[in-house]
Amino acid sequence: MELQTQNNGSHFIKDVIIGISDGLTVPFALTAGMSGVISTNHLIIIAGIAEIAAGCISMGLGGYLAGESEHDNYRAHEQNEYHEVEVMPESELKEVEDAFLIMGVDEKLSKEVALQISRDKDRWVEFMMKFEIGLEKPVKNRARKSGLNIAGSYLVGGFIPLFPYFIAPDNKSGLFWSCVVTILALFVFGYFKSKVTGQPLLLGTLKVTGIGIIAAGAAYLIAKAVV
């Protein structure tokens, strides 16, 4: 139960990182680019909302499909393992013994434990899935939860660069305050992401912040150059 809770927590954090990372960067670049050519905040807001909606759907659906693919892949290998323990039990039992030998268990004990595991076909297959194929059983409803987590995180991240345009009197003020709050958010998010993923804190933080600034700056300059 505790392991499942930890897995759920790690999956949730991973989804949030994916969603907020794109949610902060893409709308920030879009609104910055539009600020370079459009003087009306109303149009920037409409375009920003449309992008956030499309991004939520796209990212959420992508997360859902990735989760479904993971589940289908596990199920296909699981069915194959059930077939193998049924038609070639000696060979599969030897693989369990070999797995314990690799772990450092002596030969006699490896045989005894392998025989014990083989008495429960479900446990046998689960062991083979984990230690032979290297696949963990997907968390229940993982695909749906992943899609919702990523979409929700993208929504939160996307409104950070867009929000200043709702209250700013013009596009220049909107762009300025959007840059201020988004760069601050990127800095905080970069620190959090680096801490969770084990990257060097300063390097990871500057990398995330720098990518967002470069994307927004490039969008702004390209828009200015094209018009």
Foldseek 3Di string as FASTA:
>chain_A
DVVLVVVVVVLLVVLLLLQLLCLQQVLLQQLLLVLLPDKALVVNLVVLVVVLVVSLVVQLLVLLVVLVVLQVVLVVLLVVLLVCCVPPVVVLLVVQLVLVVVVVDDNVVSNVVSVVQSVDSVSSSQCCCCRVVNRDNDDPVSSNVSSVSSSVSSNVNNVQLSVLSVPDPISVSSSVVSLVRSLVVLLVSQQVVCVVVVHDRVVSSCVSSVSSVVSNVVSNVVSNVVD
